[in-house]
Protein backbone atom coordinates (compact mmCIF):
# COMPACT_ATOMS: atom_id res chain seq x y z
CA UNK A 1 21.42 25.44 46.40
CA UNK A 2 23.66 27.32 43.65
CA UNK A 3 27.29 26.83 43.87
CA UNK A 4 29.71 29.16 42.64
CA UNK A 5 32.46 29.04 39.91
CA UNK A 6 35.88 28.47 41.90
CA UNK A 7 36.85 26.09 44.94
CA UNK A 8 36.43 26.74 48.41
CA UNK A 9 40.12 26.63 48.64
CA UNK A 10 40.06 30.27 47.02
CA UNK A 11 38.26 31.58 49.71
CA UNK A 12 40.26 30.40 52.81
CA UNK A 13 43.49 31.62 50.68
CA UNK A 14 41.46 34.96 49.90
CA UNK A 15 39.87 35.52 53.24
CA UNK A 16 43.35 34.96 55.06
CA UNK A 17 45.21 36.74 52.88
CA UNK A 18 43.24 40.09 53.04
CA UNK A 19 42.41 39.93 56.75
CA UNK A 20 46.34 39.45 57.50
CA UNK A 21 46.79 42.98 55.41
CA UNK A 22 43.58 44.55 56.80
CA UNK A 23 45.34 43.84 60.65
CA UNK A 24 48.40 45.41 59.43
CA UNK A 25 46.49 47.99 58.46
CA UNK A 26 44.67 47.98 61.93
CA UNK A 27 47.55 48.02 63.83
CA UNK A 28 48.41 51.22 62.33
CA UNK A 29 45.01 52.72 62.76
CA UNK A 30 45.24 51.23 66.48
CA UNK A 31 42.35 49.23 65.63
CA UNK A 32 41.89 45.91 67.55
CA UNK A 33 42.70 43.19 65.02
CA UNK A 34 39.26 41.61 65.54
CA UNK A 35 37.58 44.86 64.07
CA UNK A 36 40.00 45.13 61.44
CA UNK A 37 39.02 41.13 60.39
CA UNK A 38 35.23 41.74 61.01
CA UNK A 39 35.66 44.80 58.44
CA UNK A 40 37.24 42.94 55.88
CA UNK A 41 34.93 39.90 55.70
CA UNK A 42 32.21 42.66 55.61
CA UNK A 43 34.03 44.39 52.45
CA UNK A 44 34.47 41.06 51.12
CA UNK A 45 31.30 39.25 52.10
CA UNK A 46 27.76 39.72 50.01
CA UNK A 47 26.84 43.24 51.72
CA UNK A 48 29.65 44.93 49.92
CA UNK A 49 31.84 43.52 47.23
CA UNK A 50 30.41 40.07 46.90
CA UNK A 51 33.74 38.20 46.32
CA UNK A 52 32.97 35.56 49.34
CA UNK A 53 30.00 33.46 48.21
CA UNK A 54 27.19 32.43 50.73
CA UNK A 55 27.61 28.89 50.49
CA UNK A 56 31.52 29.13 50.79
CA UNK A 57 30.47 30.79 54.29
CA UNK A 58 28.01 28.22 55.46
CA UNK A 59 30.44 25.42 54.09
CA UNK A 60 32.97 26.94 57.03
CA UNK A 61 30.50 26.83 59.59
CA UNK A 62 32.18 23.92 61.36
CA UNK A 63 35.45 25.39 61.23
CA UNK A 64 33.88 28.61 63.20
CA UNK A 65 32.53 26.64 66.04
CA UNK A 66 35.52 25.01 66.39
CA UNK A 67 37.45 28.39 66.63
CA UNK A 68 34.56 29.75 69.51
CA UNK A 69 34.76 26.36 71.06
CA UNK A 70 38.63 26.67 71.80
CA UNK A 71 38.09 30.12 72.78
CA UNK A 72 36.09 28.84 75.75
CA UNK A 73 38.11 25.82 76.20
CA UNK A 74 41.00 28.55 76.46
CA UNK A 75 38.87 30.72 78.71
CA UNK A 76 38.08 27.80 81.32
CA UNK A 77 41.60 26.93 81.80
CA UNK A 78 42.00 30.36 83.78
CA UNK A 79 39.96 28.94 86.12
CA UNK A 80 40.81 27.19 89.07
CA UNK A 81 38.22 26.07 91.40
CA UNK A 82 39.65 28.43 94.20
CA UNK A 83 39.77 31.48 91.56
CA UNK A 84 36.40 30.46 90.58
CA UNK A 85 34.93 31.07 94.06
CA UNK A 86 36.50 33.78 94.80
CA UNK A 87 35.33 35.10 91.39
CA UNK A 88 31.75 34.13 91.65
CA UNK A 89 31.43 35.67 94.89
CA UNK A 90 32.19 39.18 93.13
CA UNK A 91 30.39 38.58 90.08
CA UNK A 92 27.04 37.09 91.45
CA UNK A 93 26.10 40.62 91.95
CA UNK A 94 26.87 42.33 88.77
CA UNK A 95 25.58 39.35 86.77
CA UNK A 96 22.06 39.74 88.47
CA UNK A 97 22.15 43.53 87.70
CA UNK A 98 23.29 42.53 84.34
CA UNK A 99 20.34 40.60 83.86
CA UNK A 100 17.50 42.36 85.44
CA UNK A 101 17.96 45.61 83.93
CA UNK A 102 18.76 44.40 80.58
CA UNK A 103 15.43 42.07 80.05
CA UNK A 104 13.19 44.74 81.77
CA UNK A 105 14.47 47.55 79.80
CA UNK A 106 14.73 46.19 76.38
CA UNK A 107 11.40 44.35 77.02
CA UNK A 108 9.88 47.59 78.25
CA UNK A 109 10.70 49.69 75.50
CA UNK A 110 10.27 47.15 72.69
CA UNK A 111 6.89 47.08 73.88
CA UNK A 112 6.21 50.52 73.77
CA UNK A 113 7.12 50.59 69.93
CA UNK A 114 4.27 48.05 69.55
CA UNK A 115 6.16 44.99 69.66
CA UNK A 116 4.39 41.90 70.85
CA UNK A 117 4.99 41.12 74.65
CA UNK A 118 5.72 37.80 73.18
CA UNK A 119 8.91 38.93 71.10
CA UNK A 120 9.93 41.70 73.51
CA UNK A 121 10.14 39.16 75.76
CA UNK A 122 12.09 37.12 73.97
CA UNK A 123 14.56 40.21 72.67
CA UNK A 124 15.03 40.98 76.28
CA UNK A 125 16.49 37.27 76.68
CA UNK A 126 18.89 37.70 74.05
CA UNK A 127 19.96 40.87 74.69
CA UNK A 128 21.89 39.57 77.47
CA UNK A 129 24.07 37.69 75.61
CA UNK A 130 27.91 38.99 74.85
CA UNK A 131 29.90 37.65 72.26
CA UNK A 132 32.94 35.41 74.11
CA UNK A 133 35.28 34.70 70.83
CA UNK A 134 35.30 38.94 70.04
CA UNK A 135 35.54 39.87 73.71
CA UNK A 136 37.95 37.32 75.03
CA UNK A 137 39.86 37.92 72.34
CA UNK A 138 40.15 41.78 72.42
CA UNK A 139 41.14 40.99 76.13
CA UNK A 140 43.74 38.61 74.82
CA UNK A 141 44.91 41.19 72.57
CA UNK A 142 45.57 43.57 74.41
CA UNK A 143 46.95 42.08 77.33
CA UNK A 144 44.72 43.66 80.04
CA UNK A 145 45.23 43.06 83.45
CA UNK A 146 42.98 43.91 86.42
CA UNK A 147 39.32 43.38 88.26
CA UNK A 148 37.66 44.60 85.32
CA UNK A 149 39.34 41.99 83.18
CA UNK A 150 38.61 39.26 85.97
CA UNK A 151 35.07 40.02 86.10
CA UNK A 152 34.36 40.51 82.19
CA UNK A 153 35.81 37.03 81.65
CA UNK A 154 33.57 35.17 84.01
CA UNK A 155 30.71 37.10 82.91
CA UNK A 156 31.12 36.41 79.15
CA UNK A 157 30.47 32.86 80.06
CA UNK A 158 27.79 33.18 82.56
CA UNK A 159 25.54 35.80 80.76
CA UNK A 160 25.59 33.92 78.02
CA UNK A 161 24.20 30.80 79.72
CA UNK A 162 21.68 32.62 81.41
CA UNK A 163 20.81 34.32 78.01
CA UNK A 164 20.06 30.52 76.69
CA UNK A 165 18.42 29.11 79.82
CA UNK A 166 16.44 32.29 80.19
CA UNK A 167 15.11 32.06 76.51
CA UNK A 168 14.24 28.44 76.69
CA UNK A 169 12.09 28.96 79.71
CA UNK A 170 10.31 32.00 78.49
CA UNK A 171 9.45 30.45 75.03
CA UNK A 172 8.35 26.93 77.02
CA UNK A 173 6.18 29.83 79.08
CA UNK A 174 4.64 31.28 76.03
CA UNK A 175 3.71 27.83 74.12
CA UNK A 176 2.09 26.73 77.25
CA UNK A 177 0.17 29.55 77.44
CA UNK A 178 -0.94 29.37 74.21
CA UNK A 179 -1.61 26.01 74.33
CA UNK A 180 -3.60 25.83 77.51
CA UNK A 181 -1.41 22.85 78.83
CA UNK A 182 0.25 23.58 82.35
CA UNK A 183 2.42 20.07 81.48
CA UNK A 184 4.51 22.02 78.58
CA UNK A 185 6.44 24.33 80.98
CA UNK A 186 7.36 21.01 82.64
CA UNK A 187 8.35 19.78 79.32
CA UNK A 188 10.29 22.23 78.45
CA UNK A 189 11.67 22.02 81.86
CA UNK A 190 13.30 18.66 81.75
CA UNK A 191 14.74 19.11 78.61
CA UNK A 192 16.51 22.16 79.17
CA UNK A 193 17.50 19.99 82.33
CA UNK A 194 18.65 17.14 80.27
CA UNK A 195 20.59 19.11 77.55
CA UNK A 196 22.29 21.33 80.21
CA UNK A 197 23.47 18.00 82.20
CA UNK A 198 24.54 16.51 79.24
CA UNK A 199 26.63 19.58 78.37
CA UNK A 200 28.03 19.81 81.70
CA UNK A 201 28.68 15.72 81.16
CA UNK A 202 30.60 15.93 78.13
CA UNK A 203 32.71 18.57 78.98
CA UNK A 204 33.71 16.75 82.47
CA UNK A 205 34.52 13.70 80.53
CA UNK A 206 36.39 15.72 77.68
CA UNK A 207 38.41 17.70 80.17
CA UNK A 208 39.19 14.32 82.31
CA UNK A 209 40.67 13.21 79.06
CA UNK A 210 42.63 15.44 77.86
CA UNK A 211 44.04 16.03 81.53
CA UNK A 212 44.75 12.34 81.83
CA UNK A 213 46.15 11.88 78.22
CA UNK A 214 48.78 14.79 78.50
CA UNK A 215 50.06 13.37 81.56
CA UNK A 216 50.97 9.84 79.73
CA UNK A 217 51.61 11.02 76.32
CA UNK A 218 54.77 13.63 75.00
CA UNK A 219 54.26 17.12 73.91
CA UNK A 220 54.85 16.00 70.33
CA UNK A 221 51.44 14.20 70.39
CA UNK A 222 49.08 16.57 71.79
CA UNK A 223 48.23 18.59 69.35
CA UNK A 224 47.07 15.26 67.52
CA UNK A 225 44.98 14.78 71.07
CA UNK A 226 43.66 18.06 71.04
CA UNK A 227 42.11 18.18 68.07
CA UNK A 228 40.64 15.15 68.00
CA UNK A 229 38.91 15.48 71.47
CA UNK A 230 37.65 18.89 70.77
CA UNK A 231 36.22 18.14 67.36
CA UNK A 232 34.39 14.67 68.93
CA UNK A 233 33.20 16.92 71.62
CA UNK A 234 32.11 19.68 69.51
CA UNK A 235 30.02 16.78 67.08
CA UNK A 236 28.53 15.05 69.82
CA UNK A 237 27.19 18.51 71.24
CA UNK A 238 25.98 19.42 67.76
CA UNK A 239 24.48 15.84 67.08
CA UNK A 240 22.47 15.78 70.75
CA UNK A 241 21.72 19.27 70.80
CA UNK A 242 23.61 20.03 73.91
CA UNK A 243 24.89 23.25 74.10
CA UNK A 244 28.43 23.30 73.08
CA UNK A 245 29.53 26.50 74.59
CA UNK A 246 29.21 25.13 78.19
CA UNK A 247 30.90 22.00 77.23
CA UNK A 248 33.89 23.68 76.60
CA UNK A 249 34.13 25.75 79.50
CA UNK A 250 33.80 23.61 81.37
CA UNK A 251 36.32 21.10 79.95
CA UNK A 252 38.87 24.37 80.26
CA UNK A 253 38.38 24.21 84.02
CA UNK A 254 38.45 20.69 84.61
CA UNK A 255 41.75 20.91 82.55
CA UNK A 256 42.67 23.59 84.98
CA UNK A 257 41.97 21.88 88.34
CA UNK A 258 42.70 18.18 86.96
CA UNK A 259 45.98 18.40 84.78
CA UNK A 260 49.65 19.24 86.47
CA UNK A 261 50.61 20.70 82.55
CA UNK A 262 47.65 22.62 82.49
CA UNK A 263 49.62 25.95 81.79
CA UNK A 264 51.18 24.09 78.77
CA UNK A 265 48.06 22.73 77.52
CA UNK A 266 46.94 26.38 77.44
CA UNK A 267 50.04 27.34 75.47
CA UNK A 268 48.99 24.44 72.89
CA UNK A 269 45.74 25.28 72.64
CA UNK A 270 46.77 29.03 71.18
CA UNK A 271 48.84 28.10 68.95
CA UNK A 272 45.03 26.25 67.58
CA UNK A 273 43.34 29.05 67.79
CA UNK A 274 45.31 31.92 66.26
CA UNK A 275 44.53 30.73 62.59
CA UNK A 276 41.28 29.62 63.15
CA UNK A 277 40.01 32.80 64.87
CA UNK A 278 41.12 35.10 61.95
CA UNK A 279 39.39 33.12 59.78
CA UNK A 280 36.08 33.26 62.19
CA UNK A 281 36.19 36.82 62.48
CA UNK A 282 36.76 37.47 58.60
CA UNK A 283 34.08 34.78 57.85
CA UNK A 284 31.67 36.08 60.60
CA UNK A 285 32.40 39.47 58.87
CA UNK A 286 31.32 38.24 55.51
CA UNK A 287 28.02 36.85 57.72
CA UNK A 288 27.13 40.52 59.02
CA UNK A 289 24.01 41.65 56.95
CA UNK A 290 24.01 45.67 56.03
CA UNK A 291 20.54 44.78 54.32
CA UNK A 292 19.41 43.84 57.97
CA UNK A 293 20.58 46.45 59.64
CA UNK A 294 18.83 49.17 56.95
CA UNK A 295 15.27 47.33 57.31
CA UNK A 296 15.29 47.47 61.08
CA UNK A 297 13.28 50.21 61.55
CA UNK A 298 12.63 51.63 64.99
CA UNK A 299 12.34 48.28 66.78
CA UNK A 300 16.08 47.71 65.85
CA UNK A 301 16.79 51.08 66.99
CA UNK A 302 15.09 50.86 70.23
CA UNK A 303 16.45 47.43 70.89
CA UNK A 304 20.07 49.18 69.90
CA UNK A 305 19.74 51.54 72.48
CA UNK A 306 17.61 49.68 75.11
CA UNK A 307 20.36 47.00 75.43
CA UNK A 308 23.11 49.38 75.53
CA UNK A 309 21.40 51.29 78.50
CA UNK A 310 20.44 47.87 79.91
CA UNK A 311 24.36 46.56 79.85
CA UNK A 312 25.79 50.09 81.09
CA UNK A 313 23.27 50.80 84.17
CA UNK A 314 22.92 47.16 85.24
CA UNK A 315 26.43 46.42 85.13
CA UNK A 316 26.86 49.60 87.02
CA UNK A 317 24.41 49.15 89.92
CA UNK A 318 25.12 45.19 90.73
CA UNK A 319 28.67 46.35 90.71
CA UNK A 320 28.08 49.03 92.99
CA UNK A 321 26.24 47.05 94.98
CA UNK A 322 28.99 44.62 95.18
CA UNK A 323 31.58 46.96 96.83
CA UNK A 324 33.57 47.52 93.25
CA UNK A 325 35.59 50.84 92.71
CA UNK A 326 33.72 53.38 90.15
CA UNK A 327 36.84 52.56 87.48
CA UNK A 328 35.24 49.22 87.68
CA UNK A 329 31.73 49.64 87.51
CA UNK A 330 32.04 52.08 84.71
CA UNK A 331 34.53 49.94 82.41
CA UNK A 332 32.29 46.76 82.82
CA UNK A 333 28.68 47.88 81.16
CA UNK A 334 30.56 48.74 78.00
CA UNK A 335 33.09 45.74 78.14
CA UNK A 336 29.79 43.30 77.11
CA UNK A 337 28.12 45.06 74.46
CA UNK A 338 29.86 42.80 71.60
CA UNK A 339 27.01 40.33 70.48
CA UNK A 340 26.29 37.49 67.91
CA UNK A 341 26.90 33.89 67.83
CA UNK A 342 24.65 32.76 70.80
CA UNK A 343 21.68 35.72 70.11
CA UNK A 344 21.59 34.80 66.23
CA UNK A 345 21.47 31.06 66.72
CA UNK A 346 19.01 31.52 69.77
CA UNK A 347 17.08 33.73 66.86
CA UNK A 348 16.71 31.10 64.19
CA UNK A 349 15.86 28.73 66.66
CA UNK A 350 12.71 31.23 67.45
CA UNK A 351 11.95 31.62 63.57
CA UNK A 352 12.25 27.53 63.52
CA UNK A 353 9.47 27.23 65.88
CA UNK A 354 7.71 29.98 64.99
CA UNK A 355 7.70 31.82 61.93
CA UNK A 356 5.62 34.52 62.64
CA UNK A 357 7.11 35.20 65.96
CA UNK A 358 10.49 34.61 65.31
CA UNK A 359 10.90 36.49 61.83
CA UNK A 360 10.99 39.96 63.32
CA UNK A 361 13.27 38.61 66.38
CA UNK A 362 15.51 37.30 64.17
CA UNK A 363 16.24 40.58 61.83
CA UNK A 364 16.39 43.11 64.62
CA UNK A 365 19.07 40.46 65.95
CA UNK A 366 20.82 40.45 62.62
CA UNK A 367 20.80 44.33 62.05
CA UNK A 368 21.71 44.83 65.30
CA UNK A 369 25.06 42.50 65.57
CA UNK A 370 26.17 44.36 62.46
CA UNK A 371 26.54 47.68 65.18
CA UNK A 372 27.49 45.59 68.46
CA UNK A 373 30.10 43.45 66.54
CA UNK A 374 32.05 46.13 65.02
CA UNK A 375 31.67 48.68 67.80
CA UNK A 376 32.37 46.24 70.50
CA UNK A 377 35.88 45.72 70.01
CA UNK A 378 36.34 49.22 70.43
CA UNK A 379 34.36 49.88 73.85
CA UNK A 380 36.29 47.17 74.82
CA UNK A 381 39.56 48.83 74.30
CA UNK A 382 38.54 52.09 75.68
CA UNK A 383 36.94 50.68 78.95
CA UNK A 384 40.22 49.03 79.85
CA UNK A 385 41.87 51.58 78.62
CA UNK A 386 40.21 54.45 81.13
CA UNK A 387 40.36 51.60 84.13
CA UNK A 388 44.18 51.51 83.87
CA UNK A 389 44.06 47.56 82.83
CA UNK A 390 46.21 47.61 79.21
CA UNK A 391 49.82 47.56 79.05
CA UNK A 392 51.31 51.30 78.28
CA UNK A 393 52.52 50.18 74.15
CA UNK A 394 48.91 49.10 73.48
CA UNK A 395 47.56 52.52 75.08
CA UNK A 396 49.26 55.02 73.01
CA UNK A 397 49.22 55.49 69.76
CA UNK A 398 52.81 54.69 67.90
CA UNK A 399 54.09 54.24 64.15
CA UNK A 400 58.32 52.86 64.12
CA UNK A 401 59.78 53.33 60.92
CA UNK A 402 59.85 48.97 60.12
CA UNK A 403 56.82 49.05 57.78
CA UNK A 404 58.54 51.66 55.89
CA UNK A 405 62.18 50.84 55.65
CA UNK A 406 61.37 47.17 55.68
CA UNK A 407 61.60 46.78 51.85
CA UNK A 408 65.25 49.06 51.48
CA UNK A 409 66.43 46.68 54.53
CA UNK A 410 65.35 43.33 52.56
CA UNK A 411 66.74 44.35 49.65
CA UNK A 412 70.01 45.47 51.23
CA UNK A 413 70.57 42.03 52.79
CA UNK A 414 69.77 40.08 49.27
CA UNK A 415 72.69 42.42 47.87
CA UNK A 416 74.82 41.70 51.14
CA UNK A 417 74.18 37.85 50.83
CA UNK A 418 74.89 37.85 47.14
CA UNK A 419 78.34 39.82 47.46
CA UNK A 420 79.42 37.89 50.01
CA UNK A 421 78.38 34.56 48.06
CA UNK A 422 80.50 35.66 45.45
CA UNK A 423 83.81 37.11 47.20
CA UNK A 424 86.58 35.07 47.94
CA UNK A 425 86.95 36.47 51.37
CA UNK A 426 85.78 39.50 53.71
CA UNK A 427 87.24 42.92 52.52
CA UNK A 428 87.29 44.34 55.98
CA UNK A 429 88.11 47.83 54.21
CA UNK A 430 84.49 47.75 53.74
CA UNK A 431 84.06 48.22 57.82
CA UNK A 432 86.83 50.44 58.53
CA UNK A 433 84.68 53.52 57.66
CA UNK A 434 83.63 56.21 60.61
CA UNK A 435 80.01 56.09 61.43
CA UNK A 436 80.29 60.22 61.35
CA UNK A 437 77.89 60.81 58.62
CA UNK A 438 74.97 58.75 59.78
CA UNK A 439 74.11 59.62 63.26
CA UNK A 440 71.02 61.42 63.57
CA UNK A 441 72.19 64.59 65.63
CA UNK A 442 68.94 66.14 65.58
CA UNK A 443 67.45 63.56 68.10
CA UNK A 444 66.99 64.59 71.40
CA UNK A 445 67.36 62.96 74.71
CA UNK A 446 64.36 62.78 77.01
CA UNK A 447 65.33 64.08 80.50
CA UNK A 448 65.25 61.78 83.08
CA UNK A 449 62.70 63.96 85.22
CA UNK A 450 60.52 64.53 82.50
CA UNK A 451 56.87 63.50 83.35
CA UNK A 452 54.84 61.00 81.85
CA UNK A 453 52.77 62.82 79.62
CA UNK A 454 56.04 64.31 78.08
CA UNK A 455 57.50 60.86 77.58
CA UNK A 456 54.45 60.13 75.85
CA UNK A 457 54.39 62.51 73.73
CA UNK A 458 57.90 61.80 72.31
CA UNK A 459 57.18 58.35 71.97
CA UNK A 460 53.76 59.67 69.73
CA UNK A 461 55.81 61.51 67.70
CA UNK A 462 58.73 59.36 67.18
CA UNK A 463 58.92 56.72 64.49
CA UNK A 464 62.04 55.11 66.48
CA UNK A 465 61.61 52.08 69.04
CA UNK A 466 64.28 53.18 71.15
CA UNK A 467 64.54 56.63 73.64
CA UNK A 468 68.02 57.82 75.44
CA UNK A 469 67.26 59.24 78.92
CA UNK A 470 69.58 62.07 79.70
CA UNK A 471 70.72 63.65 83.24
CA UNK A 472 71.13 67.27 83.14
CA UNK A 473 74.53 67.08 82.02
CA UNK A 474 73.40 65.28 78.55
CA UNK A 475 75.14 61.77 79.28
CA UNK A 476 72.68 58.70 79.10
CA UNK A 477 71.60 57.33 82.26
CA UNK A 478 69.06 54.54 80.13
CA UNK A 479 67.04 53.86 77.30
CA UNK A 480 63.29 53.49 77.22
CA UNK A 481 62.37 50.82 74.89
CA UNK A 482 58.94 50.58 73.56
CA UNK A 483 58.67 46.81 73.20
CA UNK A 484 59.26 46.22 76.83
CA UNK A 485 56.15 48.98 77.73
CA UNK A 486 53.98 46.30 76.90
CA UNK A 487 54.94 45.42 80.49
CA UNK A 488 54.13 48.64 82.00
CA UNK A 489 50.18 48.85 82.79
CA UNK A 490 49.17 52.04 81.39
CA UNK A 491 47.18 54.24 84.40
CA UNK A 492 46.35 57.90 83.28
CA UNK A 493 46.10 58.99 86.77
CA UNK A 494 50.00 58.35 87.29
CA UNK A 495 50.85 61.13 84.94
CA UNK A 496 52.45 63.59 87.78
CA UNK A 497 54.00 60.43 89.58
CA UNK A 498 56.01 58.41 86.65
CA UNK A 499 59.16 60.20 85.20
CA UNK A 500 60.86 58.97 82.18
CA UNK A 501 63.85 57.22 84.55
CA UNK A 502 61.31 55.23 85.73
CA UNK A 503 60.29 53.67 82.67
CA UNK A 504 64.15 53.36 81.40
CA UNK A 505 66.53 50.39 81.53
CA UNK A 506 70.36 50.53 81.45
CA UNK A 507 71.92 51.42 78.22
CA UNK A 508 73.99 47.86 78.12
CA UNK A 509 74.99 49.21 74.45
CA UNK A 510 76.34 53.04 73.74
CA UNK A 511 78.99 53.71 70.37
CA UNK A 512 81.22 56.47 70.82
CA UNK A 513 80.96 59.09 68.10
CA UNK A 514 84.44 57.85 66.60
CA UNK A 515 83.41 54.49 66.02
CA UNK A 516 83.68 52.24 62.73
CA UNK A 517 80.87 50.62 60.89
CA UNK A 518 82.50 47.36 61.97
CA UNK A 519 81.86 48.23 65.55
CA UNK A 520 78.50 49.45 64.86
CA UNK A 521 77.58 46.62 62.92
CA UNK A 522 78.46 44.03 65.65
CA UNK A 523 76.84 46.41 68.35
CA UNK A 524 73.34 45.58 66.24
CA UNK A 525 74.10 41.75 65.81
CA UNK A 526 74.26 41.97 70.14
CA UNK A 527 71.14 44.04 70.65
CA UNK A 528 67.55 44.19 69.39
CA UNK A 529 67.09 48.14 69.54
CA UNK A 530 65.94 49.45 66.13
CA UNK A 531 68.57 52.45 67.01
CA UNK A 532 71.65 53.01 69.79
CA UNK A 533 72.56 56.09 70.87
CA UNK A 534 75.87 57.83 70.43
CA UNK A 535 77.90 59.90 72.82
CA UNK A 536 81.08 61.93 73.05
CA UNK A 537 84.56 59.98 73.40
CA UNK A 538 85.12 62.21 76.52
CA UNK A 539 83.49 62.15 79.63
CA UNK A 540 81.04 62.67 81.01
CA UNK A 541 79.94 61.08 77.42
CA UNK A 542 76.78 63.27 76.57
CA UNK A 543 74.40 62.00 73.88
CA UNK A 544 75.76 63.11 70.63
CA UNK A 545 72.45 61.62 68.44
CA UNK A 546 71.43 58.01 67.45
CA UNK A 547 72.46 55.40 64.83
CA UNK A 548 70.05 53.30 63.23
CA UNK A 549 70.17 49.99 62.19
CA UNK A 550 68.52 50.30 58.73
CA UNK A 551 71.29 53.31 57.73
CA UNK A 552 74.24 51.14 58.97
CA UNK A 553 72.75 47.99 56.62
CA UNK A 554 72.52 50.40 53.70
CA UNK A 555 75.81 51.97 54.11
CA UNK A 556 77.49 48.61 54.61
CA UNK A 557 76.05 47.31 51.21
CA UNK A 558 76.93 50.03 49.62
CA UNK A 559 80.54 50.22 50.82
CA UNK A 560 80.54 46.11 49.57
CA UNK A 561 79.07 47.06 46.32
CA UNK A 562 82.27 50.02 45.62
CA UNK A 563 85.11 46.96 46.61
């Protein structure tokens, strides 16, 4: 293999740094971070700028598999046996509808385009798989809660297992049919059963080891323990060719039920997965092949359309049979469209076993993955939004002032620190100035009886993070804080029922219009809000405007310069 002229560490630093910038830009554009990281990798990778060498991508493969394994481990920790039994009862009809509709529609559609029945059947099986890392991390990012989220989390695990099993069974049946050897199917079944049993056993042993060790070790040793066990389990699974995704899912379930500190272990896992997942998606984006997408032809387009139809219709019918409400039925299918790891791995396996059969299969999968991985996170977010399962702060577009004013505030803080270091004492005269000239008087309060849609409109068109709520007399009765809206679930159907006062919290700190710069500075030290309401000195303390933290700091530095 041809080696590049620079070290892989440069690739790592470049990917992480540009991914950080891409994530910030994605947040501003209201894109899921997963999509931002994938796009960054795609732009830097061989398909576009060719900045990331392909041999570096291959070198990072073990790290990417570890990131995927940790995501599945974390997913497993969400399922106690009691919750698993309850979820399975509701999820199995949906899973059956997903598998049946997807396999049948994809197989028939591809066979109609001239693909061989063997290739069409295998592609139908591959169409079942959903990208676990993409789906789970989008759900975590948007902090969704509710029946759709619960069903999707379990379906991601189950349909990947179903994909692996069905693919191996179909491939064994095809080989047995070509060789007219009845024992080939039995041998393949025995081999598959051994792999699944080995994977389950590996997950059980790993989960028990972590549960026991975490109960006797101090938390300062947990990180080393988790890295040790997870890398060992991954290495054993890769060496023995056991499905590692199943092993780590089982590990998580074992920890959830066998450990009395499962929640703390899950938090430690979150510390590990953050950085790895940024790397996972940026490198995965670099692996996306735009040329493969351009060359898939009619079969690729048909595969895309048939898989979307199978996922949407199959999950809808399955959820309807299971008695789910319409909002849930409509949201599950689009939330399961992301596809990558398992499908690519199995398609590559098909090519290695039978190049003539597997080559077109791999080409179609690689081409379609580009579309499903980029569009998948957007569809997940939209589906959960329509289902009313994501917090209000994630549901509405809002851009605060921090990114715009942070450079000015950074410079002001440096100057203030320099002035304090060079002075012999505090100059109180710099603080005894009124705040009159700093008050933003063009800010109106939100009426307490304002409807939900009016509140949202105010937030969308404001760059502040704090919004005074006033009564009929103009007196401040509370504040709506944008960061706290992360705890309020968004439901568009409640627009006429939720009022501004329902979203407000008491105003712990207000400033009077004759307050000094010193009083404002002390108030901002106690508060995390980016602005505070300013009211009249006389009752009923009507709202005059707001005072912004950045304005106070800037004036404070300027006054100290003059003294």
